Amino acid sequence: MIQLQFLVPPESWIRTLCQNDLATVKILSMKLESSDAPGVTHFVDIVSDKVNADDLIKELIKSPDVVGSDVASVGSNRIVGAVTSKDCRVCSIIMDSKTGYFVGPAVSEHDGQMSYKLFMSGDAIPRFLQTLHASGIDYKISDISKLAPKRAITPKQEKVLKSALELGYYEYPKRVSTEELAKVLDSAPSTISEILRRAERRIISGYFDKD
């Protein structure tokens, strides 16, 4: 399995937020809408250090590319939720792919570019990049690396750990508390804390395991 990370200019409503340096956009997941209602829905986490959450929502919904949204403020300058737009070429290519990509979070960089991370087999990379090129998408590869073996964690631990990472539990200062994370995952805070502790121990033990 190979990790491919690449940069592309932002599209659709994301372009307005990123190019004006208004906010940082993180795409946590995405899906294609039906043929009857074409478009792409992103589940996003948007943070700004310039405007409050209410103004972020206003900027979002006034974009002509946005055809639907279900977002909520989760802080004074942060919104989380689903945004459906008319199109996103990069996301459409990723979701239309038949080669079995695994998609990591996409994040806007300080220069306004969107950084996408995919996990795929090595022989799928040339085909994917050729599709981007044929679609007229100006991309720049920022990293190609082979995934190193890691100490296994359980699917439940992976789900909780991934949610914690994406929602900012490991950032400083924390963007989400254990209690808030537990509410999102519909579980008790003590349970989430124990799952995280066990997952972290497995990963750390794997790092120091010389075998």
N, C-alpha and C. Protein backbone atom coordinates (compact mmCIF):
# COMPACT_ATOMS: atom_id res chain seq x y z
N MET A 1 0.84 -1.19 0.00
CA MET A 1 0.00 0.00 0.00
C MET A 1 0.89 1.25 0.00
N ILE A 2 0.55 2.19 -0.89
CA ILE A 2 1.31 3.42 -1.05
C ILE A 2 0.46 4.62 -0.62
N GLN A 3 1.09 5.55 0.06
CA GLN A 3 0.43 6.81 0.41
C GLN A 3 0.80 7.86 -0.63
N LEU A 4 -0.22 8.44 -1.24
CA LEU A 4 -0.02 9.52 -2.20
C LEU A 4 -0.65 10.79 -1.65
N GLN A 5 0.15 11.82 -1.54
CA GLN A 5 -0.36 13.12 -1.09
C GLN A 5 -0.08 14.15 -2.18
N PHE A 6 -1.11 14.89 -2.57
CA PHE A 6 -0.94 15.85 -3.65
C PHE A 6 -1.74 17.12 -3.38
N LEU A 7 -1.30 18.21 -4.01
CA LEU A 7 -1.92 19.52 -3.85
C LEU A 7 -2.62 19.92 -5.14
N VAL A 8 -3.80 20.52 -5.00
CA VAL A 8 -4.53 21.05 -6.16
C VAL A 8 -5.16 22.38 -5.76
N PRO A 9 -5.41 23.26 -6.73
CA PRO A 9 -6.13 24.50 -6.42
C PRO A 9 -7.54 24.16 -5.92
N PRO A 10 -8.05 24.88 -4.94
CA PRO A 10 -9.39 24.59 -4.41
C PRO A 10 -10.46 24.87 -5.45
N GLU A 11 -11.56 24.12 -5.36
CA GLU A 11 -12.67 24.29 -6.30
C GLU A 11 -13.93 24.70 -5.56
N SER A 12 -14.92 25.16 -6.34
CA SER A 12 -16.26 25.42 -5.85
C SER A 12 -16.24 26.38 -4.65
N TRP A 13 -17.08 26.14 -3.66
CA TRP A 13 -17.20 27.03 -2.50
C TRP A 13 -15.92 27.04 -1.66
N ILE A 14 -15.14 25.99 -1.74
CA ILE A 14 -13.90 25.93 -0.96
C ILE A 14 -12.93 27.00 -1.42
N ARG A 15 -12.95 27.27 -2.72
CA ARG A 15 -12.04 28.27 -3.29
C ARG A 15 -12.23 29.64 -2.63
N THR A 16 -13.48 30.04 -2.41
CA THR A 16 -13.76 31.35 -1.81
C THR A 16 -13.19 31.44 -0.40
N LEU A 17 -13.40 30.41 0.39
CA LEU A 17 -12.93 30.42 1.78
C LEU A 17 -11.41 30.36 1.86
N CYS A 18 -10.79 29.56 0.97
CA CYS A 18 -9.34 29.36 1.04
C CYS A 18 -8.57 30.53 0.42
N GLN A 19 -8.99 30.97 -0.77
CA GLN A 19 -8.22 32.00 -1.45
C GLN A 19 -8.32 33.35 -0.76
N ASN A 20 -9.40 33.58 -0.05
CA ASN A 20 -9.51 34.81 0.74
C ASN A 20 -8.88 34.65 2.12
N ASP A 21 -8.29 33.46 2.35
CA ASP A 21 -7.67 33.16 3.64
C ASP A 21 -8.65 33.37 4.78
N LEU A 22 -9.91 33.07 4.50
CA LEU A 22 -10.96 33.30 5.48
C LEU A 22 -11.03 32.17 6.51
N ALA A 23 -10.73 30.95 6.05
CA ALA A 23 -10.88 29.81 6.95
C ALA A 23 -10.01 28.65 6.49
N THR A 24 -9.83 27.70 7.38
CA THR A 24 -9.18 26.43 7.06
C THR A 24 -10.27 25.38 6.89
N VAL A 25 -10.24 24.69 5.76
CA VAL A 25 -11.27 23.70 5.45
C VAL A 25 -10.67 22.31 5.53
N LYS A 26 -11.33 21.43 6.27
CA LYS A 26 -10.91 20.03 6.33
C LYS A 26 -12.07 19.17 5.84
N ILE A 27 -11.84 18.38 4.79
CA ILE A 27 -12.84 17.45 4.27
C ILE A 27 -12.61 16.10 4.95
N LEU A 28 -13.56 15.70 5.78
CA LEU A 28 -13.40 14.45 6.52
C LEU A 28 -13.87 13.25 5.71
N SER A 29 -14.89 13.44 4.89
CA SER A 29 -15.36 12.38 4.00
C SER A 29 -16.16 13.01 2.87
N MET A 30 -16.47 12.21 1.86
CA MET A 30 -17.18 12.72 0.68
C MET A 30 -18.00 11.61 0.05
N LYS A 31 -19.02 12.01 -0.71
CA LYS A 31 -19.82 11.04 -1.45
C LYS A 31 -20.45 11.72 -2.66
N LEU A 32 -20.66 10.94 -3.71
CA LEU A 32 -21.35 11.43 -4.90
C LEU A 32 -22.85 11.33 -4.68
N GLU A 33 -23.58 12.33 -5.14
CA GLU A 33 -25.03 12.28 -5.07
C GLU A 33 -25.57 11.42 -6.20
N SER A 34 -26.87 11.21 -6.24
CA SER A 34 -27.48 10.36 -7.26
C SER A 34 -27.48 11.05 -8.62
N SER A 35 -27.73 10.27 -9.66
CA SER A 35 -27.78 10.83 -11.01
C SER A 35 -28.92 11.81 -11.18
N ASP A 36 -29.98 11.65 -10.38
CA ASP A 36 -31.11 12.58 -10.44
C ASP A 36 -30.76 13.94 -9.85
N ALA A 37 -29.84 13.93 -8.92
CA ALA A 37 -29.41 15.18 -8.30
C ALA A 37 -27.89 15.17 -8.22
N PRO A 38 -27.22 15.39 -9.37
CA PRO A 38 -25.75 15.29 -9.41
C PRO A 38 -25.08 16.31 -8.50
N GLY A 39 -23.94 15.94 -8.00
CA GLY A 39 -23.19 16.81 -7.12
C GLY A 39 -22.33 16.00 -6.18
N VAL A 40 -21.62 16.69 -5.31
CA VAL A 40 -20.75 16.04 -4.33
C VAL A 40 -21.08 16.58 -2.95
N THR A 41 -21.23 15.69 -2.00
CA THR A 41 -21.45 16.11 -0.61
C THR A 41 -20.17 15.85 0.18
N HIS A 42 -19.70 16.89 0.86
CA HIS A 42 -18.53 16.80 1.72
C HIS A 42 -18.98 16.90 3.18
N PHE A 43 -18.41 16.07 4.03
CA PHE A 43 -18.56 16.27 5.47
C PHE A 43 -17.33 17.04 5.92
N VAL A 44 -17.54 18.25 6.42
CA VAL A 44 -16.43 19.18 6.61
C VAL A 44 -16.30 19.68 8.05
N ASP A 45 -15.12 20.14 8.34
CA ASP A 45 -14.79 20.81 9.60
C ASP A 45 -14.09 22.10 9.20
N ILE A 46 -14.72 23.24 9.45
CA ILE A 46 -14.22 24.53 8.98
C ILE A 46 -13.94 25.44 10.18
N VAL A 47 -12.74 25.99 10.22
CA VAL A 47 -12.32 26.86 11.33
C VAL A 47 -11.77 28.17 10.77
N SER A 48 -12.11 29.27 11.43
CA SER A 48 -11.61 30.58 11.00
C SER A 48 -11.06 31.35 12.19
N ASP A 49 -9.99 32.12 11.94
CA ASP A 49 -9.50 33.02 12.98
C ASP A 49 -9.82 34.47 12.64
N LYS A 50 -10.72 34.64 11.63
CA LYS A 50 -11.09 35.99 11.19
C LYS A 50 -12.55 36.32 11.41
N VAL A 51 -13.43 35.32 11.28
CA VAL A 51 -14.86 35.57 11.45
C VAL A 51 -15.45 34.51 12.37
N ASN A 52 -16.64 34.82 12.91
CA ASN A 52 -17.28 33.87 13.82
C ASN A 52 -18.05 32.80 13.03
N ALA A 53 -18.57 31.84 13.77
CA ALA A 53 -19.23 30.69 13.13
C ALA A 53 -20.44 31.10 12.31
N ASP A 54 -21.23 32.05 12.81
CA ASP A 54 -22.42 32.48 12.08
C ASP A 54 -22.04 33.10 10.74
N ASP A 55 -20.99 33.91 10.71
CA ASP A 55 -20.55 34.52 9.46
C ASP A 55 -19.96 33.48 8.51
N LEU A 56 -19.32 32.46 9.08
CA LEU A 56 -18.81 31.37 8.24
C LEU A 56 -19.96 30.68 7.51
N ILE A 57 -21.03 30.42 8.24
CA ILE A 57 -22.18 29.76 7.63
C ILE A 57 -22.78 30.64 6.53
N LYS A 58 -22.85 31.95 6.77
CA LYS A 58 -23.38 32.87 5.76
C LYS A 58 -22.51 32.86 4.51
N GLU A 59 -21.20 32.89 4.68
CA GLU A 59 -20.29 32.85 3.54
C GLU A 59 -20.45 31.55 2.77
N LEU A 60 -20.69 30.48 3.49
CA LEU A 60 -20.83 29.17 2.88
C LEU A 60 -22.08 29.07 2.02
N ILE A 61 -23.22 29.43 2.58
CA ILE A 61 -24.48 29.20 1.89
C ILE A 61 -24.75 30.20 0.77
N LYS A 62 -24.03 31.33 0.77
CA LYS A 62 -24.26 32.30 -0.30
C LYS A 62 -23.47 31.95 -1.57
N SER A 63 -22.61 30.94 -1.51
CA SER A 63 -21.88 30.51 -2.69
C SER A 63 -22.84 29.94 -3.71
N PRO A 64 -22.75 30.35 -4.98
CA PRO A 64 -23.65 29.82 -6.01
C PRO A 64 -23.44 28.33 -6.29
N ASP A 65 -22.30 27.79 -5.87
CA ASP A 65 -22.02 26.37 -6.10
C ASP A 65 -22.69 25.47 -5.07
N VAL A 66 -23.09 26.03 -3.94
CA VAL A 66 -23.68 25.24 -2.85
C VAL A 66 -25.17 25.02 -3.12
N VAL A 67 -25.58 23.76 -3.18
CA VAL A 67 -26.98 23.46 -3.42
C VAL A 67 -27.68 22.90 -2.18
N GLY A 68 -26.94 22.69 -1.13
CA GLY A 68 -27.54 22.22 0.11
C GLY A 68 -26.50 22.17 1.21
N SER A 69 -26.93 22.37 2.44
CA SER A 69 -25.99 22.32 3.57
C SER A 69 -26.74 21.95 4.85
N ASP A 70 -26.04 21.26 5.71
CA ASP A 70 -26.56 20.91 7.03
C ASP A 70 -25.38 21.02 7.99
N VAL A 71 -25.08 22.24 8.40
CA VAL A 71 -23.93 22.51 9.25
C VAL A 71 -24.38 23.15 10.55
N ALA A 72 -23.51 23.05 11.54
CA ALA A 72 -23.81 23.64 12.84
C ALA A 72 -22.53 24.18 13.44
N SER A 73 -22.65 25.22 14.24
CA SER A 73 -21.49 25.76 14.93
C SER A 73 -21.18 24.88 16.14
N VAL A 74 -19.90 24.57 16.31
CA VAL A 74 -19.45 23.77 17.46
C VAL A 74 -18.41 24.54 18.26
N GLY A 75 -18.44 25.84 18.10
CA GLY A 75 -17.52 26.74 18.78
C GLY A 75 -17.74 28.14 18.26
N SER A 76 -17.03 29.09 18.80
CA SER A 76 -17.22 30.48 18.39
C SER A 76 -16.80 30.74 16.95
N ASN A 77 -15.86 29.95 16.44
CA ASN A 77 -15.37 30.19 15.07
C ASN A 77 -15.17 28.89 14.28
N ARG A 78 -16.03 27.89 14.58
CA ARG A 78 -15.89 26.58 13.95
C ARG A 78 -17.25 26.00 13.60
N ILE A 79 -17.37 25.44 12.39
CA ILE A 79 -18.60 24.77 11.99
C ILE A 79 -18.27 23.38 11.46
N VAL A 80 -19.20 22.46 11.66
CA VAL A 80 -19.04 21.07 11.22
C VAL A 80 -20.35 20.63 10.59
N GLY A 81 -20.28 19.86 9.51
CA GLY A 81 -21.49 19.34 8.91
C GLY A 81 -21.30 18.97 7.45
N ALA A 82 -22.42 18.79 6.76
CA ALA A 82 -22.41 18.35 5.36
C ALA A 82 -22.71 19.50 4.42
N VAL A 83 -21.93 19.59 3.35
CA VAL A 83 -22.12 20.62 2.32
C VAL A 83 -22.20 19.94 0.97
N THR A 84 -23.29 20.19 0.24
CA THR A 84 -23.46 19.63 -1.10
C THR A 84 -23.27 20.72 -2.14
N SER A 85 -22.38 20.48 -3.08
CA SER A 85 -22.11 21.45 -4.14
C SER A 85 -22.36 20.82 -5.50
N LYS A 86 -22.43 21.67 -6.52
CA LYS A 86 -22.73 21.20 -7.87
C LYS A 86 -21.65 20.25 -8.39
N ASP A 87 -20.41 20.52 -8.04
CA ASP A 87 -19.35 19.67 -8.57
C ASP A 87 -18.05 19.90 -7.81
N CYS A 88 -17.20 18.92 -7.83
CA CYS A 88 -15.83 19.01 -7.36
C CYS A 88 -15.08 17.96 -8.17
N ARG A 89 -14.31 18.41 -9.15
CA ARG A 89 -13.72 17.47 -10.10
C ARG A 89 -12.81 16.45 -9.42
N VAL A 90 -11.96 16.91 -8.52
CA VAL A 90 -11.03 16.00 -7.85
C VAL A 90 -11.80 14.94 -7.06
N CYS A 91 -12.79 15.39 -6.29
CA CYS A 91 -13.57 14.45 -5.48
C CYS A 91 -14.35 13.48 -6.37
N SER A 92 -14.87 13.99 -7.48
CA SER A 92 -15.60 13.11 -8.41
C SER A 92 -14.69 12.04 -8.98
N ILE A 93 -13.46 12.41 -9.33
CA ILE A 93 -12.50 11.44 -9.85
C ILE A 93 -12.18 10.38 -8.80
N ILE A 94 -11.98 10.84 -7.56
CA ILE A 94 -11.67 9.90 -6.48
C ILE A 94 -12.83 8.93 -6.26
N MET A 95 -14.05 9.47 -6.19
CA MET A 95 -15.20 8.64 -5.86
C MET A 95 -15.65 7.77 -7.04
N ASP A 96 -15.35 8.22 -8.27
CA ASP A 96 -15.70 7.43 -9.46
C ASP A 96 -14.72 6.30 -9.70
N SER A 97 -13.59 6.34 -9.01
CA SER A 97 -12.52 5.38 -9.27
C SER A 97 -12.96 3.95 -8.97
N LYS A 98 -12.48 3.03 -9.78
CA LYS A 98 -12.77 1.61 -9.59
C LYS A 98 -11.54 0.85 -9.08
N THR A 99 -10.52 1.59 -8.66
CA THR A 99 -9.26 0.94 -8.31
C THR A 99 -9.08 0.74 -6.81
N GLY A 100 -10.05 1.10 -6.01
CA GLY A 100 -9.99 0.81 -4.59
C GLY A 100 -9.11 1.75 -3.80
N TYR A 101 -9.26 3.05 -3.96
CA TYR A 101 -8.51 4.00 -3.15
C TYR A 101 -9.12 4.07 -1.75
N PHE A 102 -8.28 4.36 -0.78
CA PHE A 102 -8.74 4.72 0.55
C PHE A 102 -8.39 6.19 0.74
N VAL A 103 -9.35 6.97 1.20
CA VAL A 103 -9.20 8.42 1.23
C VAL A 103 -8.98 8.91 2.65
N GLY A 104 -7.91 9.68 2.85
CA GLY A 104 -7.68 10.33 4.12
C GLY A 104 -8.28 11.73 4.09
N PRO A 105 -8.30 12.45 5.22
CA PRO A 105 -8.83 13.81 5.24
C PRO A 105 -8.07 14.72 4.28
N ALA A 106 -8.78 15.62 3.62
CA ALA A 106 -8.18 16.65 2.77
C ALA A 106 -8.23 17.97 3.52
N VAL A 107 -7.12 18.71 3.47
CA VAL A 107 -7.01 19.93 4.28
C VAL A 107 -6.49 21.08 3.43
N SER A 108 -7.04 22.27 3.65
CA SER A 108 -6.53 23.45 2.95
C SER A 108 -5.23 23.91 3.60
N GLU A 109 -4.26 24.26 2.76
CA GLU A 109 -2.96 24.72 3.24
C GLU A 109 -2.95 26.25 3.32
N HIS A 110 -1.86 26.80 3.88
CA HIS A 110 -1.77 28.26 4.07
C HIS A 110 -1.72 29.01 2.74
N ASP A 111 -1.25 28.35 1.69
CA ASP A 111 -1.18 29.02 0.39
C ASP A 111 -2.47 28.89 -0.41
N GLY A 112 -3.51 28.35 0.21
CA GLY A 112 -4.80 28.22 -0.46
C GLY A 112 -5.00 26.92 -1.20
N GLN A 113 -3.97 26.10 -1.32
CA GLN A 113 -4.08 24.82 -2.01
C GLN A 113 -4.78 23.80 -1.12
N MET A 114 -5.44 22.83 -1.76
CA MET A 114 -6.04 21.73 -1.02
C MET A 114 -5.10 20.53 -1.08
N SER A 115 -4.83 19.94 0.07
CA SER A 115 -3.95 18.78 0.16
C SER A 115 -4.80 17.53 0.36
N TYR A 116 -4.75 16.63 -0.62
CA TYR A 116 -5.48 15.37 -0.56
C TYR A 116 -4.50 14.23 -0.25
N LYS A 117 -5.01 13.24 0.49
CA LYS A 117 -4.19 12.08 0.83
C LYS A 117 -4.97 10.81 0.46
N LEU A 118 -4.34 9.97 -0.38
CA LEU A 118 -4.95 8.72 -0.80
C LEU A 118 -4.02 7.56 -0.47
N PHE A 119 -4.61 6.39 -0.26
CA PHE A 119 -3.85 5.17 -0.03
C PHE A 119 -4.26 4.17 -1.11
N MET A 120 -3.30 3.63 -1.85
CA MET A 120 -3.61 2.78 -2.99
C MET A 120 -2.43 1.87 -3.31
N SER A 121 -2.66 0.95 -4.22
CA SER A 121 -1.56 0.10 -4.69
C SER A 121 -0.66 0.92 -5.61
N GLY A 122 0.59 0.50 -5.73
CA GLY A 122 1.56 1.27 -6.51
C GLY A 122 1.19 1.40 -7.98
N ASP A 123 0.60 0.35 -8.57
CA ASP A 123 0.28 0.42 -10.00
C ASP A 123 -0.94 1.29 -10.28
N ALA A 124 -1.68 1.68 -9.23
CA ALA A 124 -2.85 2.54 -9.44
C ALA A 124 -2.47 4.02 -9.53
N ILE A 125 -1.29 4.36 -9.01
CA ILE A 125 -0.89 5.77 -8.97
C ILE A 125 -0.78 6.39 -10.36
N PRO A 126 -0.06 5.77 -11.32
CA PRO A 126 0.04 6.39 -12.66
C PRO A 126 -1.33 6.60 -13.31
N ARG A 127 -2.25 5.64 -13.15
CA ARG A 127 -3.58 5.79 -13.75
C ARG A 127 -4.34 6.94 -13.12
N PHE A 128 -4.23 7.06 -11.81
CA PHE A 128 -4.93 8.15 -11.14
C PHE A 128 -4.38 9.51 -11.56
N LEU A 129 -3.06 9.64 -11.60
CA LEU A 129 -2.45 10.91 -11.98
C LEU A 129 -2.76 11.26 -13.44
N GLN A 130 -2.82 10.24 -14.28
CA GLN A 130 -3.17 10.47 -15.68
C GLN A 130 -4.61 10.98 -15.80
N THR A 131 -5.50 10.48 -14.96
CA THR A 131 -6.89 10.94 -14.96
C THR A 131 -6.97 12.41 -14.53
N LEU A 132 -6.18 12.78 -13.52
CA LEU A 132 -6.14 14.19 -13.11
C LEU A 132 -5.66 15.06 -14.26
N HIS A 133 -4.59 14.63 -14.91
CA HIS A 133 -4.02 15.39 -16.03
C HIS A 133 -5.02 15.52 -17.17
N ALA A 134 -5.67 14.42 -17.52
CA ALA A 134 -6.63 14.44 -18.63
C ALA A 134 -7.83 15.32 -18.32
N SER A 135 -8.12 15.50 -17.04
CA SER A 135 -9.25 16.35 -16.64
C SER A 135 -8.86 17.82 -16.51
N GLY A 136 -7.60 18.12 -16.81
CA GLY A 136 -7.14 19.51 -16.75
C GLY A 136 -6.90 20.02 -15.35
N ILE A 137 -6.66 19.13 -14.41
CA ILE A 137 -6.43 19.52 -13.02
C ILE A 137 -4.93 19.71 -12.80
N ASP A 138 -4.56 20.88 -12.35
CA ASP A 138 -3.16 21.22 -12.09
C ASP A 138 -2.78 20.72 -10.70
N TYR A 139 -2.07 19.61 -10.64
CA TYR A 139 -1.72 19.02 -9.35
C TYR A 139 -0.21 19.05 -9.11
N LYS A 140 0.15 18.93 -7.86
CA LYS A 140 1.56 18.85 -7.47
C LYS A 140 1.69 17.77 -6.40
N ILE A 141 2.55 16.79 -6.65
CA ILE A 141 2.75 15.70 -5.69
C ILE A 141 3.60 16.22 -4.53
N SER A 142 3.11 16.04 -3.31
CA SER A 142 3.87 16.45 -2.14
C SER A 142 4.49 15.28 -1.39
N ASP A 143 3.97 14.07 -1.61
CA ASP A 143 4.57 12.91 -0.94
C ASP A 143 4.07 11.62 -1.58
N ILE A 144 5.01 10.71 -1.80
CA ILE A 144 4.67 9.32 -2.16
C ILE A 144 5.54 8.43 -1.28
N SER A 145 4.91 7.61 -0.48
CA SER A 145 5.69 6.78 0.44
C SER A 145 4.97 5.47 0.70
N LYS A 146 5.75 4.45 0.98
CA LYS A 146 5.20 3.14 1.29
C LYS A 146 4.85 3.09 2.77
N LEU A 147 3.67 2.56 3.06
CA LEU A 147 3.24 2.48 4.45
C LEU A 147 4.05 1.42 5.18
N ALA A 148 4.57 1.80 6.34
CA ALA A 148 5.35 0.86 7.14
C ALA A 148 4.41 -0.01 7.98
N PRO A 149 4.82 -1.23 8.28
CA PRO A 149 3.98 -2.07 9.14
C PRO A 149 3.77 -1.41 10.49
N LYS A 150 2.59 -1.60 11.05
CA LYS A 150 2.31 -1.03 12.36
C LYS A 150 1.63 -2.06 13.25
N ARG A 151 1.74 -1.88 14.51
CA ARG A 151 1.10 -2.78 15.46
C ARG A 151 -0.41 -2.66 15.31
N ALA A 152 -1.09 -3.78 15.20
CA ALA A 152 -2.52 -3.76 14.89
C ALA A 152 -3.32 -3.20 16.06
N ILE A 153 -4.35 -2.44 15.71
CA ILE A 153 -5.35 -2.02 16.69
C ILE A 153 -6.69 -2.54 16.21
N THR A 154 -7.64 -2.63 17.10
CA THR A 154 -8.94 -3.19 16.74
C THR A 154 -9.72 -2.19 15.89
N PRO A 155 -10.70 -2.67 15.12
CA PRO A 155 -11.52 -1.74 14.33
C PRO A 155 -12.19 -0.67 15.17
N LYS A 156 -12.65 -1.02 16.37
CA LYS A 156 -13.29 -0.04 17.25
C LYS A 156 -12.28 1.01 17.70
N GLN A 157 -11.07 0.55 18.07
CA GLN A 157 -10.02 1.49 18.47
C GLN A 157 -9.66 2.41 17.32
N GLU A 158 -9.59 1.85 16.11
CA GLU A 158 -9.27 2.67 14.93
C GLU A 158 -10.33 3.73 14.69
N LYS A 159 -11.61 3.36 14.82
CA LYS A 159 -12.70 4.31 14.61
C LYS A 159 -12.63 5.46 15.61
N VAL A 160 -12.43 5.13 16.89
CA VAL A 160 -12.38 6.16 17.93
C VAL A 160 -11.14 7.03 17.76
N LEU A 161 -10.01 6.40 17.47
CA LEU A 161 -8.76 7.13 17.30
C LEU A 161 -8.83 8.06 16.09
N LYS A 162 -9.43 7.59 15.01
CA LYS A 162 -9.57 8.40 13.79
C LYS A 162 -10.48 9.60 14.05
N SER A 163 -11.59 9.38 14.75
CA SER A 163 -12.50 10.48 15.07
C SER A 163 -11.81 11.50 15.98
N ALA A 164 -11.05 11.02 16.94
CA ALA A 164 -10.34 11.92 17.85
C ALA A 164 -9.35 12.78 17.10
N LEU A 165 -8.64 12.17 16.17
CA LEU A 165 -7.64 12.90 15.39
C LEU A 165 -8.31 13.94 14.49
N GLU A 166 -9.38 13.54 13.80
CA GLU A 166 -10.04 14.44 12.86
C GLU A 166 -10.75 15.61 13.55
N LEU A 167 -11.25 15.39 14.75
CA LEU A 167 -11.99 16.43 15.46
C LEU A 167 -11.11 17.31 16.33
N GLY A 168 -9.80 17.05 16.32
CA GLY A 168 -8.87 17.94 17.03
C GLY A 168 -8.58 17.58 18.46
N TYR A 169 -8.80 16.33 18.86
CA TYR A 169 -8.52 15.91 20.23
C TYR A 169 -7.04 15.97 20.55
N TYR A 170 -6.19 15.73 19.53
CA TYR A 170 -4.74 15.71 19.76
C TYR A 170 -4.06 17.03 19.42
N GLU A 171 -4.83 18.05 19.12
CA GLU A 171 -4.23 19.35 18.85
C GLU A 171 -4.02 20.11 20.15
N TYR A 172 -3.19 21.14 20.09
CA TYR A 172 -2.95 21.95 21.28
C TYR A 172 -3.22 23.43 20.97
N PRO A 173 -4.20 24.04 21.63
CA PRO A 173 -5.09 23.42 22.62
C PRO A 173 -6.10 22.49 21.97
N LYS A 174 -6.65 21.57 22.75
CA LYS A 174 -7.60 20.62 22.21
C LYS A 174 -8.83 21.33 21.66
N ARG A 175 -9.30 20.87 20.47
CA ARG A 175 -10.50 21.44 19.88
C ARG A 175 -11.74 20.66 20.29
N VAL A 176 -11.55 19.52 20.91
CA VAL A 176 -12.68 18.74 21.40
C VAL A 176 -12.24 18.00 22.66
N SER A 177 -13.11 17.97 23.66
CA SER A 177 -12.80 17.30 24.91
C SER A 177 -13.21 15.83 24.84
N THR A 178 -12.81 15.07 25.86
CA THR A 178 -13.21 13.66 25.91
C THR A 178 -14.72 13.54 25.97
N GLU A 179 -15.35 14.42 26.73
CA GLU A 179 -16.81 14.41 26.86
C GLU A 179 -17.49 14.71 25.53
N GLU A 180 -16.97 15.70 24.80
CA GLU A 180 -17.54 16.05 23.50
C GLU A 180 -17.33 14.92 22.49
N LEU A 181 -16.15 14.32 22.53
CA LEU A 181 -15.85 13.19 21.64
C LEU A 181 -16.78 12.02 21.94
N ALA A 182 -17.01 11.77 23.22
CA ALA A 182 -17.91 10.69 23.63
C ALA A 182 -19.33 10.94 23.14
N LYS A 183 -19.75 12.20 23.15
CA LYS A 183 -21.10 12.54 22.68
C LYS A 183 -21.23 12.27 21.19
N VAL A 184 -20.19 12.64 20.42
CA VAL A 184 -20.21 12.40 18.97
C VAL A 184 -20.29 10.91 18.68
N LEU A 185 -19.56 10.11 19.46
CA LEU A 185 -19.49 8.67 19.23
C LEU A 185 -20.57 7.90 20.00
N ASP A 186 -21.45 8.64 20.68
CA ASP A 186 -22.56 8.03 21.41
C ASP A 186 -22.07 6.97 22.40
N SER A 187 -21.14 7.38 23.25
CA SER A 187 -20.57 6.46 24.22
C SER A 187 -20.23 7.23 25.48
N ALA A 188 -19.92 6.51 26.55
CA ALA A 188 -19.56 7.15 27.81
C ALA A 188 -18.14 7.70 27.75
N PRO A 189 -17.86 8.86 28.36
CA PRO A 189 -16.50 9.42 28.36
C PRO A 189 -15.46 8.45 28.90
N SER A 190 -15.83 7.69 29.96
CA SER A 190 -14.87 6.74 30.52
C SER A 190 -14.53 5.64 29.52
N THR A 191 -15.52 5.23 28.72
CA THR A 191 -15.29 4.20 27.70
C THR A 191 -14.36 4.72 26.61
N ILE A 192 -14.63 5.95 26.15
CA ILE A 192 -13.79 6.54 25.10
C ILE A 192 -12.37 6.72 25.60
N SER A 193 -12.22 7.18 26.83
CA SER A 193 -10.90 7.38 27.41
C SER A 193 -10.12 6.07 27.47
N GLU A 194 -10.80 4.98 27.83
CA GLU A 194 -10.13 3.68 27.93
C GLU A 194 -9.76 3.16 26.54
N ILE A 195 -10.64 3.33 25.57
CA ILE A 195 -10.36 2.88 24.20
C ILE A 195 -9.15 3.63 23.64
N LEU A 196 -9.11 4.94 23.86
CA LEU A 196 -7.98 5.74 23.39
C LEU A 196 -6.68 5.31 24.07
N ARG A 197 -6.75 5.07 25.38
CA ARG A 197 -5.55 4.67 26.13
C ARG A 197 -4.99 3.36 25.61
N ARG A 198 -5.88 2.38 25.34
CA ARG A 198 -5.43 1.09 24.85
C ARG A 198 -4.86 1.20 23.43
N ALA A 199 -5.52 2.00 22.59
CA ALA A 199 -5.03 2.18 21.21
C ALA A 199 -3.68 2.87 21.20
N GLU A 200 -3.55 3.91 22.01
CA GLU A 200 -2.28 4.65 22.08
C GLU A 200 -1.16 3.73 22.57
N ARG A 201 -1.48 2.88 23.56
CA ARG A 201 -0.45 1.96 24.09
C ARG A 201 0.00 0.97 23.02
N ARG A 202 -0.95 0.45 22.22
CA ARG A 202 -0.59 -0.49 21.15
C ARG A 202 0.32 0.18 20.13
N ILE A 203 -0.04 1.41 19.75
CA ILE A 203 0.75 2.11 18.73
C ILE A 203 2.14 2.44 19.26
N ILE A 204 2.22 2.94 20.49
CA ILE A 204 3.51 3.30 21.08
C ILE A 204 4.37 2.04 21.28
N SER A 205 3.73 0.97 21.72
CA SER A 205 4.47 -0.28 21.91
C SER A 205 5.01 -0.78 20.58
N GLY A 206 4.21 -0.64 19.51
CA GLY A 206 4.66 -1.04 18.20
C GLY A 206 5.84 -0.23 17.72
N TYR A 207 5.85 1.06 18.07
CA TYR A 207 6.96 1.94 17.67
C TYR A 207 8.27 1.50 18.30
N PHE A 208 8.19 1.07 19.57
CA PHE A 208 9.42 0.69 20.28
C PHE A 208 9.71 -0.80 20.21
N ASP A 209 8.86 -1.54 19.50
CA ASP A 209 9.06 -2.99 19.37
C ASP A 209 10.14 -3.26 18.32
N LYS A 210 11.29 -3.67 18.74
CA LYS A 210 12.41 -3.87 17.81
C LYS A 210 12.19 -5.07 16.90
N ASP A 211 11.28 -5.97 17.29
CA ASP A 211 11.02 -7.14 16.44
C ASP A 211 10.25 -6.74 15.21
